[in-house]
Amino acid sequence: MTSTKTRNLSFLLGFLLAALVLAGAVSYLADSNPDGLDHATLKGCEVVETADGEQLQGSCIAQNAKDHQLAGSPLADYAVGGGEGTTGLAGVIGVVLTVVVAGGLFWVLRRRPTK
């Protein structure tokens, strides 16, 4: 490999390693309730646990909220299968999927030498 290719590969591998460390390890230090929109829409309501699940009492925007179509997907709510303590794994899976999709697109759309 040439010096430029070696440097580029080193940079990409370092970038991938940093992304995996951030997604897999640092994510456990993140706020457990990071969604500011959820917090804002719950103002004026109190969440009460009932036999039917959580209910909202009071008057707030969140009373009109519904789950979206992907709420039951494998990586919903920043966790694998909705399990507690799997945010790091979900982050690593997200990084790997993003690298694979982006790498595939870059490979397909790259400039090819003219003949």
PDB file of N, CA and C in Angstrom:
ATOM      1  N   MET A   1       0.830  -1.185   0.000  1.00  0.00           N
ATOM      2  CA  MET A   1       0.000   0.000   0.000  1.00  0.00           C
ATOM      3  C   MET A   1       0.874   1.249   0.000  1.00  0.00           C
ATOM      4  N   THR A   2       0.356   2.282  -0.579  1.00  0.00           N
ATOM      5  CA  THR A   2       1.099   3.535  -0.579  1.00  0.00           C
ATOM      6  C   THR A   2       0.922   4.234   0.764  1.00  0.00           C
ATOM      7  N   SER A   3       1.734   5.229   0.977  1.00  0.00           N
ATOM      8  CA  SER A   3       1.685   5.971   2.232  1.00  0.00           C
ATOM      9  C   SER A   3       0.326   6.638   2.432  1.00  0.00           C
ATOM     10  N   THR A   4      -0.250   7.191   1.357  1.00  0.00           N
ATOM     11  CA  THR A   4      -1.553   7.849   1.448  1.00  0.00           C
ATOM     12  C   THR A   4      -2.637   6.840   1.789  1.00  0.00           C
ATOM     13  N   LYS A   5      -2.603   5.681   1.151  1.00  0.00           N
ATOM     14  CA  LYS A   5      -3.604   4.660   1.447  1.00  0.00           C
ATOM     15  C   LYS A   5      -3.486   4.171   2.880  1.00  0.00           C
ATOM     16  N   THR A   6      -2.254   4.033   3.374  1.00  0.00           N
ATOM     17  CA  THR A   6      -2.035   3.602   4.749  1.00  0.00           C
ATOM     18  C   THR A   6      -2.574   4.626   5.729  1.00  0.00           C
ATOM     19  N   ARG A   7      -2.312   5.905   5.445  1.00  0.00           N
ATOM     20  CA  ARG A   7      -2.828   6.973   6.318  1.00  0.00           C
ATOM     21  C   ARG A   7      -4.341   7.011   6.294  1.00  0.00           C
ATOM     22  N   ASN A   8      -4.931   6.883   5.111  1.00  0.00           N
ATOM     23  CA  ASN A   8      -6.393   6.896   5.002  1.00  0.00           C
ATOM     24  C   ASN A   8      -7.009   5.726   5.761  1.00  0.00           C
ATOM     25  N   LEU A   9      -6.426   4.538   5.607  1.00  0.00           N
ATOM     26  CA  LEU A   9      -6.930   3.367   6.303  1.00  0.00           C
ATOM     27  C   LEU A   9      -6.773   3.524   7.813  1.00  0.00           C
ATOM     28  N   SER A  10      -5.651   4.057   8.249  1.00  0.00           N
ATOM     29  CA  SER A  10      -5.424   4.294   9.685  1.00  0.00           C
ATOM     30  C   SER A  10      -6.446   5.279  10.238  1.00  0.00           C
ATOM     31  N   PHE A  11      -6.704   6.333   9.485  1.00  0.00           N
ATOM     32  CA  PHE A  11      -7.695   7.320   9.914  1.00  0.00           C
ATOM     33  C   PHE A  11      -9.076   6.684  10.020  1.00  0.00           C
ATOM     34  N   LEU A  12      -9.482   5.939   9.004  1.00  0.00           N
ATOM     35  CA  LEU A  12     -10.806   5.316   9.015  1.00  0.00           C
ATOM     36  C   LEU A  12     -10.952   4.305  10.147  1.00  0.00           C
ATOM     37  N   LEU A  13      -9.919   3.503  10.383  1.00  0.00           N
ATOM     38  CA  LEU A  13      -9.979   2.539  11.478  1.00  0.00           C
ATOM     39  C   LEU A  13     -10.008   3.248  12.834  1.00  0.00           C
ATOM     40  N   GLY A  14      -9.252   4.322  12.983  1.00  0.00           N
ATOM     41  CA  GLY A  14      -9.289   5.110  14.223  1.00  0.00           C
ATOM     42  C   GLY A  14     -10.647   5.745  14.442  1.00  0.00           C
ATOM     43  N   PHE A  15     -11.215   6.274  13.369  1.00  0.00           N
ATOM     44  CA  PHE A  15     -12.545   6.876  13.444  1.00  0.00           C
ATOM     45  C   PHE A  15     -13.578   5.827  13.839  1.00  0.00           C
ATOM     46  N   LEU A  16     -13.509   4.641  13.238  1.00  0.00           N
ATOM     47  CA  LEU A  16     -14.443   3.562  13.557  1.00  0.00           C
ATOM     48  C   LEU A  16     -14.283   3.134  15.016  1.00  0.00           C
ATOM     49  N   LEU A  17     -13.050   3.007  15.477  1.00  0.00           N
ATOM     50  CA  LEU A  17     -12.805   2.619  16.864  1.00  0.00           C
ATOM     51  C   LEU A  17     -13.372   3.669  17.829  1.00  0.00           C
ATOM     52  N   ALA A  18     -13.153   4.938  17.535  1.00  0.00           N
ATOM     53  CA  ALA A  18     -13.680   6.013  18.383  1.00  0.00           C
ATOM     54  C   ALA A  18     -15.208   5.982  18.406  1.00  0.00           C
ATOM     55  N   ALA A  19     -15.834   5.785  17.243  1.00  0.00           N
ATOM     56  CA  ALA A  19     -17.292   5.728  17.178  1.00  0.00           C
ATOM     57  C   ALA A  19     -17.832   4.542  17.972  1.00  0.00           C
ATOM     58  N   LEU A  20     -17.159   3.393  17.871  1.00  0.00           N
ATOM     59  CA  LEU A  20     -17.603   2.208  18.609  1.00  0.00           C
ATOM     60  C   LEU A  20     -17.444   2.404  20.118  1.00  0.00           C
ATOM     61  N   VAL A  21     -16.350   3.034  20.545  1.00  0.00           N
ATOM     62  CA  VAL A  21     -16.146   3.283  21.978  1.00  0.00           C
ATOM     63  C   VAL A  21     -17.202   4.254  22.496  1.00  0.00           C
ATOM     64  N   LEU A  22     -17.450   5.317  21.742  1.00  0.00           N
ATOM     65  CA  LEU A  22     -18.466   6.281  22.173  1.00  0.00           C
ATOM     66  C   LEU A  22     -19.848   5.645  22.233  1.00  0.00           C
ATOM     67  N   ALA A  23     -20.198   4.880  21.209  1.00  0.00           N
ATOM     68  CA  ALA A  23     -21.527   4.265  21.164  1.00  0.00           C
ATOM     69  C   ALA A  23     -21.666   3.148  22.191  1.00  0.00           C
ATOM     70  N   GLY A  24     -20.616   2.382  22.382  1.00  0.00           N
ATOM     71  CA  GLY A  24     -20.715   1.213  23.247  1.00  0.00           C
ATOM     72  C   GLY A  24     -20.446   1.468  24.707  1.00  0.00           C
ATOM     73  N   ALA A  25     -19.591   2.413  25.030  1.00  0.00           N
ATOM     74  CA  ALA A  25     -19.208   2.617  26.430  1.00  0.00           C
ATOM     75  C   ALA A  25     -19.745   3.921  27.002  1.00  0.00           C
ATOM     76  N   VAL A  26     -19.551   5.006  26.291  1.00  0.00           N
ATOM     77  CA  VAL A  26     -19.943   6.308  26.817  1.00  0.00           C
ATOM     78  C   VAL A  26     -21.463   6.450  26.881  1.00  0.00           C
ATOM     79  N   SER A  27     -22.194   5.703  26.061  1.00  0.00           N
ATOM     80  CA  SER A  27     -23.654   5.793  26.069  1.00  0.00           C
ATOM     81  C   SER A  27     -24.243   5.404  27.420  1.00  0.00           C
ATOM     82  N   TYR A  28     -23.540   4.576  28.193  1.00  0.00           N
ATOM     83  CA  TYR A  28     -24.040   4.208  29.517  1.00  0.00           C
ATOM     84  C   TYR A  28     -23.965   5.369  30.505  1.00  0.00           C
ATOM     85  N   LEU A  29     -23.160   6.380  30.184  1.00  0.00           N
ATOM     86  CA  LEU A  29     -23.049   7.554  31.042  1.00  0.00           C
ATOM     87  C   LEU A  29     -24.072   8.628  30.680  1.00  0.00           C
ATOM     88  N   ALA A  30     -24.791   8.427  29.592  1.00  0.00           N
ATOM     89  CA  ALA A  30     -25.749   9.426  29.111  1.00  0.00           C
ATOM     90  C   ALA A  30     -26.975   9.484  30.018  1.00  0.00           C
ATOM     91  N   ASP A  31     -27.716  10.548  29.885  1.00  0.00           N
ATOM     92  CA  ASP A  31     -28.947  10.735  30.643  1.00  0.00           C
ATOM     93  C   ASP A  31     -29.921   9.609  30.322  1.00  0.00           C
ATOM     94  N   SER A  32     -30.548   9.058  31.326  1.00  0.00           N
ATOM     95  CA  SER A  32     -31.484   7.958  31.094  1.00  0.00           C
ATOM     96  C   SER A  32     -32.801   8.447  30.493  1.00  0.00           C
ATOM     97  N   ASN A  33     -33.042   9.738  30.513  1.00  0.00           N
ATOM     98  CA  ASN A  33     -34.258  10.301  29.935  1.00  0.00           C
ATOM     99  C   ASN A  33     -33.878  11.510  29.074  1.00  0.00           C
ATOM    100  N   PRO A  34     -33.239  11.255  27.900  1.00  0.00           N
ATOM    101  CA  PRO A  34     -32.681  12.363  27.133  1.00  0.00           C
ATOM    102  C   PRO A  34     -33.671  13.128  26.265  1.00  0.00           C
ATOM    103  N   ASP A  35     -34.877  12.639  26.138  1.00  0.00           N
ATOM    104  CA  ASP A  35     -35.792  13.216  25.173  1.00  0.00           C
ATOM    105  C   ASP A  35     -36.469  14.467  25.717  1.00  0.00           C
ATOM    106  N   GLY A  36     -35.986  15.612  25.314  1.00  0.00           N
ATOM    107  CA  GLY A  36     -36.551  16.885  25.750  1.00  0.00           C
ATOM    108  C   GLY A  36     -37.983  17.074  25.279  1.00  0.00           C
ATOM    109  N   LEU A  37     -38.322  16.515  24.128  1.00  0.00           N
ATOM    110  CA  LEU A  37     -39.684  16.635  23.620  1.00  0.00           C
ATOM    111  C   LEU A  37     -40.665  15.919  24.539  1.00  0.00           C
ATOM    112  N   ASP A  38     -40.327  14.705  24.972  1.00  0.00           N
ATOM    113  CA  ASP A  38     -41.195  13.986  25.907  1.00  0.00           C
ATOM    114  C   ASP A  38     -41.379  14.789  27.193  1.00  0.00           C
ATOM    115  N   HIS A  39     -40.292  15.336  27.699  1.00  0.00           N
ATOM    116  CA  HIS A  39     -40.360  16.119  28.932  1.00  0.00           C
ATOM    117  C   HIS A  39     -41.275  17.335  28.752  1.00  0.00           C
ATOM    118  N   ALA A  40     -41.122  18.018  27.636  1.00  0.00           N
ATOM    119  CA  ALA A  40     -41.925  19.214  27.388  1.00  0.00           C
ATOM    120  C   ALA A  40     -43.401  18.884  27.214  1.00  0.00           C
ATOM    121  N   THR A  41     -43.710  17.769  26.553  1.00  0.00           N
ATOM    122  CA  THR A  41     -45.117  17.422  26.328  1.00  0.00           C
ATOM    123  C   THR A  41     -45.800  16.901  27.592  1.00  0.00           C
ATOM    124  N   LEU A  42     -45.025  16.491  28.593  1.00  0.00           N
ATOM    125  CA  LEU A  42     -45.611  15.999  29.851  1.00  0.00           C
ATOM    126  C   LEU A  42     -45.870  17.106  30.868  1.00  0.00           C
ATOM    127  N   LYS A  43     -45.473  18.344  30.561  1.00  0.00           N
ATOM    128  CA  LYS A  43     -45.715  19.451  31.500  1.00  0.00           C
ATOM    129  C   LYS A  43     -47.215  19.637  31.694  1.00  0.00           C
ATOM    130  N   GLY A  44     -47.621  19.633  32.938  1.00  0.00           N
ATOM    131  CA  GLY A  44     -49.038  19.771  33.277  1.00  0.00           C
ATOM    132  C   GLY A  44     -49.696  18.434  33.570  1.00  0.00           C
ATOM    133  N   CYS A  45     -48.972  17.349  33.411  1.00  0.00           N
ATOM    134  CA  CYS A  45     -49.518  16.021  33.678  1.00  0.00           C
ATOM    135  C   CYS A  45     -48.671  15.303  34.719  1.00  0.00           C
ATOM    136  N   GLU A  46     -49.277  14.297  35.310  1.00  0.00           N
ATOM    137  CA  GLU A  46     -48.575  13.411  36.221  1.00  0.00           C
ATOM    138  C   GLU A  46     -48.757  11.997  35.702  1.00  0.00           C
ATOM    139  N   VAL A  47     -47.665  11.226  35.645  1.00  0.00           N
ATOM    140  CA  VAL A  47     -47.726   9.843  35.195  1.00  0.00           C
ATOM    141  C   VAL A  47     -48.061   8.973  36.410  1.00  0.00           C
ATOM    142  N   VAL A  48     -49.173   8.228  36.313  1.00  0.00           N
ATOM    143  CA  VAL A  48     -49.635   7.389  37.409  1.00  0.00           C
ATOM    144  C   VAL A  48     -49.669   5.944  36.934  1.00  0.00           C
ATOM    145  N   GLU A  49     -49.104   5.044  37.722  1.00  0.00           N
ATOM    146  CA  GLU A  49     -49.101   3.613  37.399  1.00  0.00           C
ATOM    147  C   GLU A  49     -50.441   3.007  37.832  1.00  0.00           C
ATOM    148  N   THR A  50     -51.130   2.347  36.898  1.00  0.00           N
ATOM    149  CA  THR A  50     -52.399   1.682  37.195  1.00  0.00           C
ATOM    150  C   THR A  50     -52.302   0.222  36.769  1.00  0.00           C
ATOM    151  N   ALA A  51     -53.362  -0.523  37.004  1.00  0.00           N
ATOM    152  CA  ALA A  51     -53.389  -1.932  36.601  1.00  0.00           C
ATOM    153  C   ALA A  51     -53.303  -2.075  35.082  1.00  0.00           C
ATOM    154  N   ASP A  52     -53.770  -1.076  34.346  1.00  0.00           N
ATOM    155  CA  ASP A  52     -53.734  -1.097  32.876  1.00  0.00           C
ATOM    156  C   ASP A  52     -52.432  -0.535  32.316  1.00  0.00           C
ATOM    157  N   GLY A  53     -51.527  -0.120  33.170  1.00  0.00           N
ATOM    158  CA  GLY A  53     -50.275   0.490  32.727  1.00  0.00           C
ATOM    159  C   GLY A  53     -50.217   1.935  33.162  1.00  0.00           C
ATOM    160  N   GLU A  54     -49.325   2.687  32.559  1.00  0.00           N
ATOM    161  CA  GLU A  54     -49.180   4.099  32.916  1.00  0.00           C
ATOM    162  C   GLU A  54     -50.333   4.914  32.355  1.00  0.00           C
ATOM    163  N   GLN A  55     -50.841   5.824  33.170  1.00  0.00           N
ATOM    164  CA  GLN A  55     -51.910   6.736  32.761  1.00  0.00           C
ATOM    165  C   GLN A  55     -51.462   8.153  33.068  1.00  0.00           C
ATOM    166  N   LEU A  56     -51.931   9.095  32.269  1.00  0.00           N
ATOM    167  CA  LEU A  56     -51.610  10.502  32.485  1.00  0.00           C
ATOM    168  C   LEU A  56     -52.791  11.186  33.148  1.00  0.00           C
ATOM    169  N   GLN A  57     -52.525  11.921  34.210  1.00  0.00           N
ATOM    170  CA  GLN A  57     -53.556  12.713  34.876  1.00  0.00           C
ATOM    171  C   GLN A  57     -53.166  14.172  34.759  1.00  0.00           C
ATOM    172  N   GLY A  58     -54.140  14.997  34.459  1.00  0.00           N
ATOM    173  CA  GLY A  58     -53.878  16.414  34.279  1.00  0.00           C
ATOM    174  C   GLY A  58     -54.165  16.811  32.843  1.00  0.00           C
ATOM    175  N   SER A  59     -53.575  17.916  32.436  1.00  0.00           N
ATOM    176  CA  SER A  59     -53.791  18.421  31.084  1.00  0.00           C
ATOM    177  C   SER A  59     -52.435  18.719  30.439  1.00  0.00           C
ATOM    178  N   CYS A  60     -52.095  17.926  29.411  1.00  0.00           N
ATOM    179  CA  CYS A  60     -50.836  18.132  28.709  1.00  0.00           C
ATOM    180  C   CYS A  60     -50.966  17.618  27.271  1.00  0.00           C
ATOM    181  N   ILE A  61     -50.003  17.987  26.456  1.00  0.00           N
ATOM    182  CA  ILE A  61     -49.992  17.590  25.049  1.00  0.00           C
ATOM    183  C   ILE A  61     -49.836  16.085  24.902  1.00  0.00           C
ATOM    184  N   ALA A  62     -49.106  15.452  25.809  1.00  0.00           N
ATOM    185  CA  ALA A  62     -48.798  14.024  25.701  1.00  0.00           C
ATOM    186  C   ALA A  62     -50.037  13.135  25.769  1.00  0.00           C
ATOM    187  N   GLN A  63     -51.158  13.639  26.241  1.00  0.00           N
ATOM    188  CA  GLN A  63     -52.371  12.827  26.310  1.00  0.00           C
ATOM    189  C   GLN A  63     -52.865  12.427  24.920  1.00  0.00           C
ATOM    190  N   ASN A  64     -52.447  13.138  23.901  1.00  0.00           N
ATOM    191  CA  ASN A  64     -52.850  12.821  22.528  1.00  0.00           C
ATOM    192  C   ASN A  64     -51.817  11.987  21.786  1.00  0.00           C
ATOM    193  N   ALA A  65     -50.732  11.621  22.452  1.00  0.00           N
ATOM    194  CA  ALA A  65     -49.639  10.895  21.794  1.00  0.00           C
ATOM    195  C   ALA A  65     -50.009   9.437  21.547  1.00  0.00           C
ATOM    196  N   LYS A  66     -49.480   8.898  20.451  1.00  0.00           N
ATOM    197  CA  LYS A  66     -49.670   7.495  20.100  1.00  0.00           C
ATOM    198  C   LYS A  66     -48.314   6.929  19.700  1.00  0.00           C
ATOM    199  N   ASP A  67     -48.141   5.611  19.830  1.00  0.00           N
ATOM    200  CA  ASP A  67     -46.903   4.979  19.379  1.00  0.00           C
ATOM    201  C   ASP A  67     -46.824   5.029  17.865  1.00  0.00           C
ATOM    202  N   HIS A  68     -45.603   5.145  17.343  1.00  0.00           N
ATOM    203  CA  HIS A  68     -45.413   5.141  15.900  1.00  0.00           C
ATOM    204  C   HIS A  68     -45.277   3.710  15.400  1.00  0.00           C
ATOM    205  N   GLN A  69     -45.215   3.522  14.083  1.00  0.00           N
ATOM    206  CA  GLN A  69     -45.204   2.200  13.478  1.00  0.00           C
ATOM    207  C   GLN A  69     -43.977   1.375  13.858  1.00  0.00           C
ATOM    208  N   LEU A  70     -42.861   2.014  14.183  1.00  0.00           N
ATOM    209  CA  LEU A  70     -41.631   1.298  14.495  1.00  0.00           C
ATOM    210  C   LEU A  70     -41.388   1.149  16.001  1.00  0.00           C
ATOM    211  N   ALA A  71     -42.405   1.402  16.817  1.00  0.00           N
ATOM    212  CA  ALA A  71     -42.234   1.342  18.272  1.00  0.00           C
ATOM    213  C   ALA A  71     -41.850  -0.056  18.747  1.00  0.00           C
ATOM    214  N   GLY A  72     -42.223  -1.087  18.030  1.00  0.00           N
ATOM    215  CA  GLY A  72     -41.882  -2.447  18.428  1.00  0.00           C
ATOM    216  C   GLY A  72     -40.664  -3.004  17.715  1.00  0.00           C
ATOM    217  N   SER A  73     -39.916  -2.155  17.013  1.00  0.00           N
ATOM    218  CA  SER A  73     -38.757  -2.628  16.258  1.00  0.00           C
ATOM    219  C   SER A  73     -37.615  -3.017  17.203  1.00  0.00           C
ATOM    220  N   PRO A  74     -36.656  -3.793  16.714  1.00  0.00           N
ATOM    221  CA  PRO A  74     -35.591  -4.312  17.578  1.00  0.00           C
ATOM    222  C   PRO A  74     -34.743  -3.247  18.282  1.00  0.00           C
ATOM    223  N   LEU A  75     -34.582  -2.076  17.705  1.00  0.00           N
ATOM    224  CA  LEU A  75     -33.731  -1.044  18.314  1.00  0.00           C
ATOM    225  C   LEU A  75     -34.530   0.165  18.795  1.00  0.00           C
ATOM    226  N   ALA A  76     -35.828  -0.005  19.035  1.00  0.00           N
ATOM    227  CA  ALA A  76     -36.650   1.105  19.515  1.00  0.00           C
ATOM    228  C   ALA A  76     -36.214   1.528  20.908  1.00  0.00           C
ATOM    229  N   ASP A  77     -36.373   2.785  21.212  1.00  0.00           N
ATOM    230  CA  ASP A  77     -36.037   3.356  22.523  1.00  0.00           C
ATOM    231  C   ASP A  77     -34.571   3.180  22.897  1.00  0.00           C
ATOM    232  N   TYR A  78     -33.683   3.180  21.903  1.00  0.00           N
ATOM    233  CA  TYR A  78     -32.236   3.121  22.133  1.00  0.00           C
ATOM    234  C   TYR A  78     -31.819   1.887  22.921  1.00  0.00           C
ATOM    235  N   ALA A  79     -32.514   0.771  22.729  1.00  0.00           N
ATOM    236  CA  ALA A  79     -32.188  -0.471  23.434  1.00  0.00           C
ATOM    237  C   ALA A  79     -32.470  -1.649  22.515  1.00  0.00           C
ATOM    238  N   VAL A  80     -31.785  -2.744  22.759  1.00  0.00           N
ATOM    239  CA  VAL A  80     -32.001  -3.955  21.958  1.00  0.00           C
ATOM    240  C   VAL A  80     -33.200  -4.688  22.528  1.00  0.00           C
ATOM    241  N   GLY A  81     -34.255  -4.794  21.734  1.00  0.00           N
ATOM    242  CA  GLY A  81     -35.463  -5.486  22.169  1.00  0.00           C
ATOM    243  C   GLY A  81     -36.138  -4.836  23.359  1.00  0.00           C
ATOM    244  N   GLY A  82     -35.860  -3.563  23.614  1.00  0.00           N
ATOM    245  CA  GLY A  82     -36.463  -2.857  24.732  1.00  0.00           C
ATOM    246  C   GLY A  82     -35.873  -3.227  26.076  1.00  0.00           C
ATOM    247  N   GLY A  83     -34.804  -4.017  26.082  1.00  0.00           N
ATOM    248  CA  GLY A  83     -34.200  -4.467  27.333  1.00  0.00           C
ATOM    249  C   GLY A  83     -33.401  -3.388  28.024  1.00  0.00           C
ATOM    250  N   GLU A  84     -33.478  -3.389  29.342  1.00  0.00           N
ATOM    251  CA  GLU A  84     -32.685  -2.453  30.146  1.00  0.00           C
ATOM    252  C   GLU A  84     -31.206  -2.795  30.025  1.00  0.00           C
ATOM    253  N   GLY A  85     -30.366  -1.806  29.988  1.00  0.00           N
ATOM    254  CA  GLY A  85     -28.929  -2.031  29.973  1.00  0.00           C
ATOM    255  C   GLY A  85     -28.359  -2.443  28.632  1.00  0.00           C
ATOM    256  N   THR A  86     -29.105  -2.276  27.567  1.00  0.00           N
ATOM    257  CA  THR A  86     -28.600  -2.660  26.245  1.00  0.00           C
ATOM    258  C   THR A  86     -28.381  -1.452  25.341  1.00  0.00           C
ATOM    259  N   THR A  87     -28.295  -0.252  25.918  1.00  0.00           N
ATOM    260  CA  THR A  87     -28.113   0.939  25.089  1.00  0.00           C
ATOM    261  C   THR A  87     -26.767   0.924  24.375  1.00  0.00           C
ATOM    262  N   GLY A  88     -25.738   0.431  25.034  1.00  0.00           N
ATOM    263  CA  GLY A  88     -24.416   0.362  24.403  1.00  0.00           C
ATOM    264  C   GLY A  88     -24.413  -0.577  23.225  1.00  0.00           C
ATOM    265  N   LEU A  89     -25.045  -1.728  23.388  1.00  0.00           N
ATOM    266  CA  LEU A  89     -25.135  -2.691  22.291  1.00  0.00           C
ATOM    267  C   LEU A  89     -25.932  -2.108  21.129  1.00  0.00           C
ATOM    268  N   ALA A  90     -27.025  -1.419  21.435  1.00  0.00           N
ATOM    269  CA  ALA A  90     -27.813  -0.774  20.385  1.00  0.00           C
ATOM    270  C   ALA A  90     -26.980   0.279  19.656  1.00  0.00           C
ATOM    271  N   GLY A  91     -26.153   1.016  20.397  1.00  0.00           N
ATOM    272  CA  GLY A  91     -25.277   2.010  19.778  1.00  0.00           C
ATOM    273  C   GLY A  91     -24.247   1.381  18.873  1.00  0.00           C
ATOM    274  N   VAL A  92     -23.649   0.285  19.317  1.00  0.00           N
ATOM    275  CA  VAL A  92     -22.649  -0.426  18.492  1.00  0.00           C
ATOM    276  C   VAL A  92     -23.313  -0.963  17.230  1.00  0.00           C
ATOM    277  N   ILE A  93     -24.497  -1.544  17.349  1.00  0.00           N
ATOM    278  CA  ILE A  93     -25.220  -2.047  16.170  1.00  0.00           C
ATOM    279  C   ILE A  93     -25.518  -0.894  15.215  1.00  0.00           C
ATOM    280  N   GLY A  94     -25.926   0.250  15.759  1.00  0.00           N
ATOM    281  CA  GLY A  94     -26.195   1.418  14.921  1.00  0.00           C
ATOM    282  C   GLY A  94     -24.971   1.905  14.186  1.00  0.00           C
ATOM    283  N   VAL A  95     -23.827   1.940  14.872  1.00  0.00           N
ATOM    284  CA  VAL A  95     -22.577   2.364  14.226  1.00  0.00           C
ATOM    285  C   VAL A  95     -22.204   1.399  13.114  1.00  0.00           C
ATOM    286  N   VAL A  96     -22.265   0.100  13.397  1.00  0.00           N
ATOM    287  CA  VAL A  96     -21.895  -0.903  12.386  1.00  0.00           C
ATOM    288  C   VAL A  96     -22.821  -0.812  11.175  1.00  0.00           C
ATOM    289  N   LEU A  97     -24.128  -0.710  11.405  1.00  0.00           N
ATOM    290  CA  LEU A  97     -25.065  -0.597  10.279  1.00  0.00           C
ATOM    291  C   LEU A  97     -24.814   0.667   9.467  1.00  0.00           C
ATOM    292  N   THR A  98     -24.544   1.762  10.150  1.00  0.00           N
ATOM    293  CA  THR A  98     -24.270   3.015   9.442  1.00  0.00           C
ATOM    294  C   THR A  98     -23.001   2.915   8.600  1.00  0.00           C
ATOM    295  N   VAL A  99     -21.950   2.306   9.152  1.00  0.00           N
ATOM    296  CA  VAL A  99     -20.700   2.145   8.408  1.00  0.00           C
ATOM    297  C   VAL A  99     -20.905   1.238   7.199  1.00  0.00           C
ATOM    298  N   VAL A 100     -21.657   0.158   7.375  1.00  0.00           N
ATOM    299  CA  VAL A 100     -21.904  -0.763   6.256  1.00  0.00           C
ATOM    300  C   VAL A 100     -22.704  -0.078   5.155  1.00  0.00           C
ATOM    301  N   VAL A 101     -23.778   0.608   5.517  1.00  0.00           N
ATOM    302  CA  VAL A 101     -24.617   1.277   4.506  1.00  0.00           C
ATOM    303  C   VAL A 101     -23.840   2.412   3.833  1.00  0.00           C
ATOM    304  N   ALA A 102     -23.191   3.256   4.630  1.00  0.00           N
ATOM    305  CA  ALA A 102     -22.435   4.375   4.049  1.00  0.00           C
ATOM    306  C   ALA A 102     -21.270   3.860   3.209  1.00  0.00           C
ATOM    307  N   GLY A 103     -20.557   2.844   3.713  1.00  0.00           N
ATOM    308  CA  GLY A 103     -19.450   2.275   2.943  1.00  0.00           C
ATOM    309  C   GLY A 103     -19.920   1.689   1.631  1.00  0.00           C
ATOM    310  N   GLY A 104     -21.055   1.005   1.658  1.00  0.00           N
ATOM    311  CA  GLY A 104     -21.615   0.457   0.421  1.00  0.00           C
ATOM    312  C   GLY A 104     -21.992   1.543  -0.566  1.00  0.00           C
ATOM    313  N   LEU A 105     -22.603   2.619  -0.062  1.00  0.00           N
ATOM    314  CA  LEU A 105     -22.965   3.731  -0.951  1.00  0.00           C
ATOM    315  C   LEU A 105     -21.722   4.413  -1.519  1.00  0.00           C
ATOM    316  N   PHE A 106     -20.716   4.642  -0.675  1.00  0.00           N
ATOM    317  CA  PHE A 106     -19.477   5.249  -1.176  1.00  0.00           C
ATOM    318  C   PHE A 106     -18.807   4.353  -2.214  1.00  0.00           C
ATOM    319  N   TRP A 107     -18.837   3.051  -1.997  1.00  0.00           N
ATOM    320  CA  TRP A 107     -18.221   2.124  -2.931  1.00  0.00           C
ATOM    321  C   TRP A 107     -18.956   2.136  -4.271  1.00  0.00           C
ATOM    322  N   VAL A 108     -20.290   2.148  -4.232  1.00  0.00           N
ATOM    323  CA  VAL A 108     -21.085   2.151  -5.465  1.00  0.00           C
ATOM    324  C   VAL A 108     -20.937   3.476  -6.210  1.00  0.00           C
ATOM    325  N   LEU A 109     -20.893   4.581  -5.474  1.00  0.00           N
ATOM    326  CA  LEU A 109     -20.892   5.903  -6.098  1.00  0.00           C
ATOM    327  C   LEU A 109     -19.500   6.485  -6.315  1.00  0.00           C
ATOM    328  N   ARG A 110     -18.454   5.744  -6.007  1.00  0.00           N
ATOM    329  CA  ARG A 110     -17.089   6.277  -6.126  1.00  0.00           C
ATOM    330  C   ARG A 110     -16.727   6.579  -7.588  1.00  0.00           C
ATOM    331  N   ARG A 111     -15.761   7.435  -7.729  1.00  0.00           N
ATOM    332  CA  ARG A 111     -15.258   7.748  -9.059  1.00  0.00           C
ATOM    333  C   ARG A 111     -14.366   6.597  -9.514  1.00  0.00           C
ATOM    334  N   ARG A 112     -14.584   6.212 -10.717  1.00  0.00           N
ATOM    335  CA  ARG A 112     -13.743   5.148 -11.284  1.00  0.00           C
ATOM    336  C   ARG A 112     -12.806   5.783 -12.315  1.00  0.00           C
ATOM    337  N   PRO A 113     -11.600   5.271 -12.390  1.00  0.00           N
ATOM    338  CA  PRO A 113     -10.664   5.852 -13.370  1.00  0.00           C
ATOM    339  C   PRO A 113     -11.187   5.663 -14.793  1.00  0.00           C
ATOM    340  N   THR A 114     -10.998   6.692 -15.580  1.00  0.00           N
ATOM    341  CA  THR A 114     -11.415   6.611 -16.986  1.00  0.00           C
ATOM    342  C   THR A 114     -10.384   5.829 -17.762  1.00  0.00           C
ATOM    343  N   LYS A 115     -10.849   5.110 -18.745  1.00  0.00           N
ATOM    344  CA  LYS A 115      -9.927   4.265 -19.532  1.00  0.00           C
ATOM    345  C   LYS A 115      -9.533   4.944 -20.791  1.00  0.00           C
TER     346      LYS A 115
END
